[in-house]
């Protein structure tokens, strides 16, 4: 008993934390990631690896269903914590670590610990829209059926939902994929977001300026640069380059914290040189997820993704476009002039049909015929922001 308690306290000293970000929870996620980095804790890659499930942002009933499924898959001892906003991150994680040392298996947000009573009642509901029919496999994944592949052969097909909680994955995005082996034969986008407005963290300066509020060009430049560094960190994490991802997150936090430009520029330029010289990163991303300029323009893609479609057109061109925009933003981080252009955020044009909405529209075509690992990189290279969608566009995406 004493040895068990000692081992439990030892594990609680550096818990693995799975971050489940709800749309609109960007600020809380950034705060949680800063706490994890400062304490030396590990960000888990899935529920099987998690000691703490940290739900960040506002989680309504629909989102809670997905989180309950994750909670049911986490092993004991475990603690579930809710971080509603950035100010709560430090205290919520500190309390979670304390409870984990005492044995865990607790939910700090009032939710039921379904795992103590077997399979969650709503687990099958989250997958009934997949259309797989027949008997469900454990975990809600339906049994495989059969269908023709590209050569006309009848092979097993498996219908798998990707998201809405995966490392480096856009919060609130579900990609319903039909797999033959590890190749995606067909994909459909679903957006999981509660009704009502959610905080649009990355586009905040432009939305405030559009209402007549005074916003400086420097504030907008900081949000643009930080947004691209955040996207870059997520792509690097998906690519398996943890050290570079950590450096990108640190630069992102420096930009948002208004650190001196000289310090930030030095770190960013060092990171950019390292990424551009990496043969492995180029090998992973060259020729993947090609988006021609004609298709991008026809679907309303704007921002860095459109710029990339005129150069290399692939995943490599998109992360290089982020680096180019970050580098161009650095000299203007302290610009006090009023923000002039109010209709173009980090992902492109704001409003219905622009920015992230257009990225969601092109996504299924880009992952068609791609292996699962490559599809993860394609999604990360687009990184649509669900919180930035208008509700009219959200409905169209789900259709």
Protein backbone atom coordinates (compact mmCIF):
# COMPACT_ATOMS: atom_id res chain seq x y z
CA UNK A 1 0.00 0.00 0.00
CA UNK A 2 2.84 2.35 0.90
CA UNK A 3 4.74 1.52 -2.29
CA UNK A 4 1.59 2.11 -4.36
CA UNK A 5 1.03 5.49 -2.76
CA UNK A 6 4.67 6.46 -3.29
CA UNK A 7 4.51 5.46 -6.97
CA UNK A 8 1.27 7.41 -7.37
CA UNK A 9 2.81 10.56 -5.92
CA UNK A 10 5.89 10.09 -8.11
CA UNK A 11 3.74 9.82 -11.25
CA UNK A 12 1.73 12.87 -10.20
CA UNK A 13 4.93 14.90 -10.17
CA UNK A 14 5.03 14.90 -13.97
CA UNK A 15 1.58 13.85 -15.24
CA UNK A 16 0.71 13.35 -18.88
CA UNK A 17 -2.04 15.81 -19.81
CA UNK A 18 -4.44 15.35 -22.74
CA UNK A 19 -5.73 18.76 -23.84
CA UNK A 20 -9.27 18.67 -25.27
CA UNK A 21 -9.84 22.11 -26.72
CA UNK A 22 -13.40 23.20 -27.48
CA UNK A 23 -13.88 25.77 -30.27
CA UNK A 24 -13.33 29.19 -28.75
CA UNK A 25 -10.90 27.83 -26.16
CA UNK A 26 -7.72 29.04 -27.87
CA UNK A 27 -6.66 31.44 -25.11
CA UNK A 28 -7.19 28.77 -22.46
CA UNK A 29 -5.23 26.22 -24.53
CA UNK A 30 -2.29 28.58 -24.90
CA UNK A 31 -2.30 29.13 -21.13
CA UNK A 32 -2.43 25.37 -20.47
CA UNK A 33 0.47 24.76 -22.86
CA UNK A 34 2.51 27.46 -21.08
CA UNK A 35 1.84 25.82 -17.71
CA UNK A 36 2.83 22.39 -19.04
CA UNK A 37 6.06 23.80 -20.44
CA UNK A 38 6.90 25.68 -17.25
CA UNK A 39 6.27 22.66 -15.00
CA UNK A 40 7.95 20.17 -17.31
CA UNK A 41 4.76 18.13 -17.68
CA UNK A 42 4.07 16.04 -20.77
CA UNK A 43 1.31 16.65 -23.30
CA UNK A 44 -0.35 13.29 -23.97
CA UNK A 45 -1.01 12.07 -27.51
CA UNK A 46 -4.19 10.19 -26.65
CA UNK A 47 -6.45 9.03 -23.80
CA UNK A 48 -4.45 5.81 -23.24
CA UNK A 49 -1.40 7.96 -22.46
CA UNK A 50 -3.20 10.49 -20.24
CA UNK A 51 -3.23 10.94 -16.47
CA UNK A 52 -5.16 14.21 -16.68
CA UNK A 53 -7.86 15.11 -19.20
CA UNK A 54 -7.91 18.93 -19.41
CA UNK A 55 -11.04 20.23 -21.13
CA UNK A 56 -10.34 23.81 -22.18
CA UNK A 57 -12.89 26.36 -23.31
CA UNK A 58 -16.67 26.32 -23.08
CA UNK A 59 -17.93 22.74 -23.37
CA UNK A 60 -21.65 22.48 -24.17
CA UNK A 61 -23.71 19.27 -24.37
CA UNK A 62 -22.54 18.25 -27.85
CA UNK A 63 -18.89 18.74 -27.02
CA UNK A 64 -19.29 17.02 -23.66
CA UNK A 65 -20.45 13.84 -25.44
CA UNK A 66 -17.12 13.60 -27.24
CA UNK A 67 -15.16 14.39 -24.08
CA UNK A 68 -17.08 11.70 -22.18
CA UNK A 69 -15.88 9.13 -24.73
CA UNK A 70 -12.26 10.21 -24.19
CA UNK A 71 -12.75 10.11 -20.43
CA UNK A 72 -14.05 6.55 -20.66
CA UNK A 73 -10.89 5.46 -22.53
CA UNK A 74 -8.38 6.97 -20.06
CA UNK A 75 -6.79 4.45 -17.67
CA UNK A 76 -6.75 4.74 -13.89
CA UNK A 77 -5.59 6.70 -11.99
CA UNK A 78 -6.97 9.72 -13.83
CA UNK A 79 -8.36 13.17 -13.22
CA UNK A 80 -10.58 15.28 -15.44
CA UNK A 81 -10.26 19.05 -15.12
CA UNK A 82 -12.05 21.94 -16.78
CA UNK A 83 -10.14 25.09 -17.72
CA UNK A 84 -12.78 27.64 -18.71
CA UNK A 85 -10.40 30.50 -19.40
CA UNK A 86 -6.71 31.34 -19.37
CA UNK A 87 -6.73 32.64 -15.79
CA UNK A 88 -7.87 29.24 -14.46
CA UNK A 89 -5.14 27.16 -16.11
CA UNK A 90 -2.49 27.19 -13.39
CA UNK A 91 -4.84 26.51 -10.48
CA UNK A 92 -6.88 23.85 -12.32
CA UNK A 93 -3.80 21.85 -13.28
CA UNK A 94 -2.27 22.22 -9.82
CA UNK A 95 -5.44 20.85 -8.27
CA UNK A 96 -5.59 18.01 -10.80
CA UNK A 97 -2.03 16.96 -9.92
CA UNK A 98 -2.92 16.97 -6.23
CA UNK A 99 -5.95 14.77 -6.77
CA UNK A 100 -3.95 12.46 -9.02
CA UNK A 101 -1.48 11.91 -6.20
CA UNK A 102 -4.42 10.93 -3.97
CA UNK A 103 -5.65 8.29 -6.40
CA UNK A 104 -7.39 10.17 -9.25
CA UNK A 105 -10.53 8.80 -10.95
CA UNK A 106 -12.16 12.16 -10.32
CA UNK A 107 -13.90 14.64 -12.55
CA UNK A 108 -13.46 18.26 -11.44
CA UNK A 109 -16.14 19.67 -13.70
CA UNK A 110 -19.07 17.77 -12.27
CA UNK A 111 -19.32 15.21 -15.05
CA UNK A 112 -20.07 11.58 -14.30
CA UNK A 113 -17.18 9.13 -14.21
CA UNK A 114 -18.72 6.83 -16.79
CA UNK A 115 -15.82 4.39 -16.73
CA UNK A 116 -16.82 3.23 -13.26
CA UNK A 117 -20.11 2.00 -14.72
CA UNK A 118 -18.88 0.46 -17.97
CA UNK A 119 -19.42 1.91 -21.42
CA UNK A 120 -20.89 5.43 -21.54
CA UNK A 121 -24.56 5.44 -22.45
CA UNK A 122 -24.04 7.99 -25.21
CA UNK A 123 -20.99 6.37 -26.77
CA UNK A 124 -22.85 4.84 -29.65
CA UNK A 125 -24.71 8.10 -30.31
CA UNK A 126 -21.49 9.79 -31.34
CA UNK A 127 -21.08 7.35 -34.21
CA UNK A 128 -24.60 6.61 -35.36
CA UNK A 129 -24.21 9.13 -38.19
CA UNK A 130 -21.36 7.16 -39.73
CA UNK A 131 -23.75 4.98 -41.64
CA UNK A 132 -21.69 1.85 -41.13
CA UNK A 133 -24.69 -0.20 -40.08
CA UNK A 134 -24.50 -3.56 -38.39
CA UNK A 135 -22.67 -4.33 -35.20
CA UNK A 136 -20.35 -1.79 -33.60
CA UNK A 137 -16.84 -2.70 -32.56
CA UNK A 138 -15.50 -1.73 -29.15
CA UNK A 139 -14.89 2.02 -29.00
CA UNK A 140 -17.82 2.78 -31.32
CA UNK A 141 -15.95 2.04 -34.56
CA UNK A 142 -18.26 0.10 -36.90
CA UNK A 143 -17.25 -3.17 -38.54
CA UNK A 144 -15.68 -2.99 -41.97
CA UNK A 145 -17.77 -3.42 -45.10
CA UNK A 146 -16.53 -3.94 -48.64
CA UNK A 147 -16.20 -1.66 -51.63
CA UNK A 148 -14.23 -1.24 -54.86
CA UNK A 149 -10.81 0.40 -54.71
CA UNK A 150 -9.29 2.46 -57.52
CA UNK A 151 -8.28 -0.69 -59.40
CA UNK A 152 -11.78 -2.15 -59.19
CA UNK A 153 -10.87 -4.76 -56.56
CA UNK A 154 -13.33 -5.41 -53.72
CA UNK A 155 -11.51 -4.57 -50.48
CA UNK A 156 -12.51 -3.94 -46.89
CA UNK A 157 -13.63 -0.40 -46.08
CA UNK A 158 -13.54 1.05 -42.59
CA UNK A 159 -15.40 4.24 -41.66
CA UNK A 160 -13.38 6.17 -39.11
CA UNK A 161 -14.03 9.61 -37.61
CA UNK A 162 -10.84 11.65 -37.09
CA UNK A 163 -11.25 14.28 -34.37
CA UNK A 164 -12.51 16.42 -32.81
CA UNK A 165 -9.73 15.84 -30.24
CA UNK A 166 -6.33 14.83 -31.61
CA UNK A 167 -2.85 16.30 -31.04
CA UNK A 168 -2.25 19.20 -33.41
CA UNK A 169 -5.82 18.90 -34.72
CA UNK A 170 -8.16 21.90 -35.27
CA UNK A 171 -10.56 22.11 -32.31
CA UNK A 172 -14.08 21.11 -33.32
CA UNK A 173 -13.21 19.48 -36.66
CA UNK A 174 -14.28 15.91 -37.41
CA UNK A 175 -13.12 14.32 -40.66
CA UNK A 176 -15.22 11.27 -41.45
CA UNK A 177 -12.89 9.10 -43.51
CA UNK A 178 -13.51 5.90 -45.44
CA UNK A 179 -10.31 3.87 -45.29
CA UNK A 180 -9.06 0.97 -47.37
CA UNK A 181 -5.91 -0.11 -45.59
CA UNK A 182 -4.40 3.18 -44.47
CA UNK A 183 -5.49 5.09 -47.60
CA UNK A 184 -8.43 7.52 -47.46
CA UNK A 185 -10.92 6.76 -50.24
CA UNK A 186 -13.50 9.34 -49.26
CA UNK A 187 -13.77 12.06 -46.64
CA UNK A 188 -16.45 14.37 -45.26
CA UNK A 189 -16.12 17.34 -42.94
CA UNK A 190 -18.24 17.86 -39.81
CA UNK A 191 -17.97 20.85 -37.49
CA UNK A 192 -18.65 20.30 -33.78
CA UNK A 193 -19.46 23.63 -32.19
CA UNK A 194 -22.14 24.68 -29.76
CA UNK A 195 -24.72 27.25 -30.80
CA UNK A 196 -23.96 30.87 -30.13
CA UNK A 197 -20.88 33.00 -30.56
CA UNK A 198 -17.56 31.71 -29.28
CA UNK A 199 -14.38 33.65 -28.64
CA UNK A 200 -12.52 34.22 -31.91
CA UNK A 201 -9.06 34.71 -30.40
CA UNK A 202 -6.89 34.92 -33.52
CA UNK A 203 -9.22 37.30 -35.41
CA UNK A 204 -9.99 39.47 -32.38
CA UNK A 205 -8.07 42.64 -33.47
CA UNK A 206 -9.76 42.72 -36.89
CA UNK A 207 -13.24 42.07 -35.46
CA UNK A 208 -12.78 44.85 -32.89
CA UNK A 209 -11.51 47.24 -35.57
CA UNK A 210 -14.53 46.42 -37.73
CA UNK A 211 -16.83 47.67 -34.95
CA UNK A 212 -15.03 51.02 -34.86
CA UNK A 213 -12.76 50.27 -31.89
CA UNK A 214 -9.25 51.70 -32.05
CA UNK A 215 -6.74 48.90 -32.81
CA UNK A 216 -3.08 49.38 -33.70
CA UNK A 217 -1.31 47.72 -36.59
CA UNK A 218 1.20 46.31 -34.10
CA UNK A 219 -1.51 44.40 -32.19
CA UNK A 220 -2.82 42.87 -35.41
CA UNK A 221 0.71 41.97 -36.51
CA UNK A 222 1.32 40.19 -33.20
CA UNK A 223 -1.86 38.11 -33.55
CA UNK A 224 -1.02 37.27 -37.16
CA UNK A 225 2.55 36.20 -36.35
CA UNK A 226 1.49 34.26 -33.25
CA UNK A 227 -1.31 32.49 -35.14
CA UNK A 228 1.12 31.29 -37.81
CA UNK A 229 3.67 30.19 -35.20
CA UNK A 230 0.91 28.26 -33.42
CA UNK A 231 -0.10 26.56 -36.69
CA UNK A 232 3.55 25.81 -37.40
CA UNK A 233 4.02 24.26 -33.94
CA UNK A 234 1.01 21.99 -34.47
CA UNK A 235 2.26 20.86 -37.89
CA UNK A 236 5.72 20.15 -36.49
CA UNK A 237 4.19 18.16 -33.63
CA UNK A 238 2.20 16.07 -36.12
CA UNK A 239 5.41 15.56 -38.14
CA UNK A 240 7.07 14.22 -34.98
CA UNK A 241 9.59 17.06 -34.52
CA UNK A 242 8.88 17.83 -30.86
CA UNK A 243 11.88 20.08 -30.25
CA UNK A 244 11.09 22.41 -33.17
CA UNK A 245 7.42 22.45 -32.14
CA UNK A 246 8.44 23.54 -28.64
CA UNK A 247 10.57 26.36 -30.07
CA UNK A 248 7.70 27.53 -32.26
CA UNK A 249 5.35 27.61 -29.23
CA UNK A 250 7.92 29.56 -27.23
CA UNK A 251 8.27 32.13 -30.03
CA UNK A 252 4.47 32.35 -30.26
CA UNK A 253 4.23 33.11 -26.55
CA UNK A 254 7.03 35.69 -26.84
CA UNK A 255 5.12 37.49 -29.58
CA UNK A 256 1.87 37.55 -27.60
CA UNK A 257 3.66 38.63 -24.41
CA UNK A 258 5.10 41.69 -26.21
CA UNK A 259 8.69 40.58 -25.62
CA UNK A 260 11.37 42.87 -27.13
CA UNK A 261 11.42 42.60 -30.91
CA UNK A 262 15.16 41.93 -31.01
CA UNK A 263 14.80 38.84 -28.80
CA UNK A 264 11.76 37.54 -30.64
CA UNK A 265 13.29 38.17 -34.07
CA UNK A 266 16.44 36.34 -33.15
CA UNK A 267 14.53 33.24 -32.03
CA UNK A 268 12.15 33.27 -35.00
CA UNK A 269 14.92 33.69 -37.55
CA UNK A 270 16.92 30.88 -35.96
CA UNK A 271 13.85 28.60 -36.11
CA UNK A 272 13.12 29.58 -39.72
CA UNK A 273 16.67 28.80 -40.83
CA UNK A 274 16.52 25.41 -39.11
CA UNK A 275 13.22 24.46 -40.73
CA UNK A 276 14.19 25.62 -44.21
CA UNK A 277 17.43 23.60 -44.03
CA UNK A 278 15.72 20.41 -42.87
CA UNK A 279 15.81 17.78 -45.59
CA UNK A 280 13.59 15.49 -43.52
CA UNK A 281 10.84 18.10 -43.20
CA UNK A 282 10.99 18.83 -46.92
CA UNK A 283 10.87 15.10 -47.68
CA UNK A 284 7.79 14.71 -45.47
CA UNK A 285 5.88 17.64 -46.96
CA UNK A 286 6.98 17.91 -50.62
CA UNK A 287 4.24 17.06 -53.12
CA UNK A 288 1.66 16.40 -50.40
CA UNK A 289 -1.81 17.99 -50.46
CA UNK A 290 -1.32 19.89 -53.71
CA UNK A 291 -3.79 22.79 -53.98
CA UNK A 292 -3.69 24.43 -57.44
CA UNK A 293 -4.18 28.20 -57.59
CA UNK A 294 -7.22 27.85 -59.86
CA UNK A 295 -8.98 25.64 -57.31
CA UNK A 296 -7.98 27.89 -54.41
CA UNK A 297 -9.31 31.00 -56.14
CA UNK A 298 -12.53 29.27 -57.25
CA UNK A 299 -13.32 28.15 -53.69
CA UNK A 300 -12.45 31.49 -52.08
CA UNK A 301 -9.23 30.44 -50.34
CA UNK A 302 -7.30 33.50 -49.21
CA UNK A 303 -4.38 34.28 -46.90
CA UNK A 304 -1.19 32.17 -46.76
CA UNK A 305 -2.89 29.12 -48.32
CA UNK A 306 -3.65 31.14 -51.46
CA UNK A 307 -0.12 32.52 -51.54
CA UNK A 308 1.25 28.98 -51.28
CA UNK A 309 -1.01 27.80 -54.10
CA UNK A 310 0.90 30.13 -56.46
CA UNK A 311 4.29 28.69 -55.48
CA UNK A 312 4.87 25.06 -54.50
CA UNK A 313 1.12 24.40 -53.88
CA UNK A 314 1.84 21.62 -51.36
CA UNK A 315 2.23 21.27 -47.58
CA UNK A 316 5.81 22.53 -47.76
CA UNK A 317 4.72 25.68 -49.59
CA UNK A 318 2.09 26.35 -46.91
CA UNK A 319 4.43 26.13 -43.91
CA UNK A 320 6.95 28.26 -45.79
CA UNK A 321 4.21 30.84 -46.44
CA UNK A 322 3.60 30.99 -42.68
CA UNK A 323 7.30 31.59 -42.07
CA UNK A 324 7.36 34.34 -44.72
CA UNK A 325 4.39 36.14 -43.12
CA UNK A 326 5.88 35.83 -39.63
CA UNK A 327 9.19 37.27 -40.85
CA UNK A 328 7.43 40.17 -42.58
CA UNK A 329 5.38 40.90 -39.43
CA UNK A 330 8.37 41.17 -37.09
CA UNK A 331 9.35 44.81 -37.87
CA UNK A 332 5.75 45.97 -37.31
CA UNK A 333 5.04 44.32 -33.95
CA UNK A 334 5.27 47.66 -32.12
CA UNK A 335 3.63 49.77 -34.83
CA UNK A 336 1.22 52.23 -33.16
CA UNK A 337 -0.51 53.33 -36.36
CA UNK A 338 -4.24 52.52 -36.59
CA UNK A 339 -5.10 49.21 -38.26
CA UNK A 340 -6.15 50.02 -41.82
CA UNK A 341 -7.23 46.66 -43.34
CA UNK A 342 -9.98 45.18 -41.14
CA UNK A 343 -11.19 42.32 -43.33
CA UNK A 344 -8.23 39.93 -43.46
CA UNK A 345 -7.08 37.84 -40.48
CA UNK A 346 -4.36 35.18 -40.23
CA UNK A 347 -6.38 32.61 -42.26
CA UNK A 348 -7.46 35.13 -44.88
CA UNK A 349 -10.62 37.08 -45.56
CA UNK A 350 -13.12 37.33 -42.72
CA UNK A 351 -16.85 36.82 -43.16
CA UNK A 352 -19.02 34.21 -44.86
CA UNK A 353 -17.19 32.01 -47.35
CA UNK A 354 -13.71 33.31 -46.56
CA UNK A 355 -10.79 32.18 -44.46
CA UNK A 356 -11.36 28.92 -42.65
CA UNK A 357 -14.65 28.17 -44.45
CA UNK A 358 -12.84 27.91 -47.78
CA UNK A 359 -10.12 25.75 -46.22
CA UNK A 360 -12.78 23.30 -45.01
CA UNK A 361 -14.28 23.18 -48.50
CA UNK A 362 -11.03 22.10 -50.17
CA UNK A 363 -9.98 19.70 -47.41
CA UNK A 364 -11.87 16.50 -48.50
CA UNK A 365 -10.45 16.72 -52.02
CA UNK A 366 -6.88 17.16 -50.75
CA UNK A 367 -6.95 14.07 -48.51
CA UNK A 368 -8.62 11.83 -51.10
CA UNK A 369 -6.23 8.97 -51.97
CA UNK A 370 -3.71 9.96 -49.31
CA UNK A 371 -2.34 7.75 -46.55
CA UNK A 372 -3.57 8.53 -43.04
CA UNK A 373 -0.24 10.00 -41.87
CA UNK A 374 -0.12 12.27 -44.89
CA UNK A 375 -3.71 13.37 -44.30
CA UNK A 376 -2.77 14.46 -40.76
CA UNK A 377 -0.06 16.71 -42.23
CA UNK A 378 -2.46 18.13 -44.83
CA UNK A 379 -5.02 19.04 -42.16
CA UNK A 380 -2.28 20.62 -40.05
CA UNK A 381 -1.01 22.62 -43.02
CA UNK A 382 -4.47 24.14 -43.57
CA UNK A 383 -5.29 24.47 -39.83
CA UNK A 384 -8.82 25.89 -40.23
CA UNK A 385 -10.03 27.83 -37.19
CA UNK A 386 -13.55 26.62 -36.32
CA UNK A 387 -14.02 29.52 -33.88
CA UNK A 388 -13.67 31.94 -36.81
CA UNK A 389 -16.58 30.44 -38.78
CA UNK A 390 -19.86 32.23 -39.16
CA UNK A 391 -22.79 30.01 -38.18
CA UNK A 392 -24.22 30.09 -41.71
CA UNK A 393 -20.92 28.71 -43.00
CA UNK A 394 -20.76 26.15 -40.18
CA UNK A 395 -24.06 24.64 -41.37
CA UNK A 396 -22.83 24.47 -44.96
CA UNK A 397 -19.63 22.72 -43.88
CA UNK A 398 -21.62 20.07 -42.05
CA UNK A 399 -23.76 19.55 -45.12
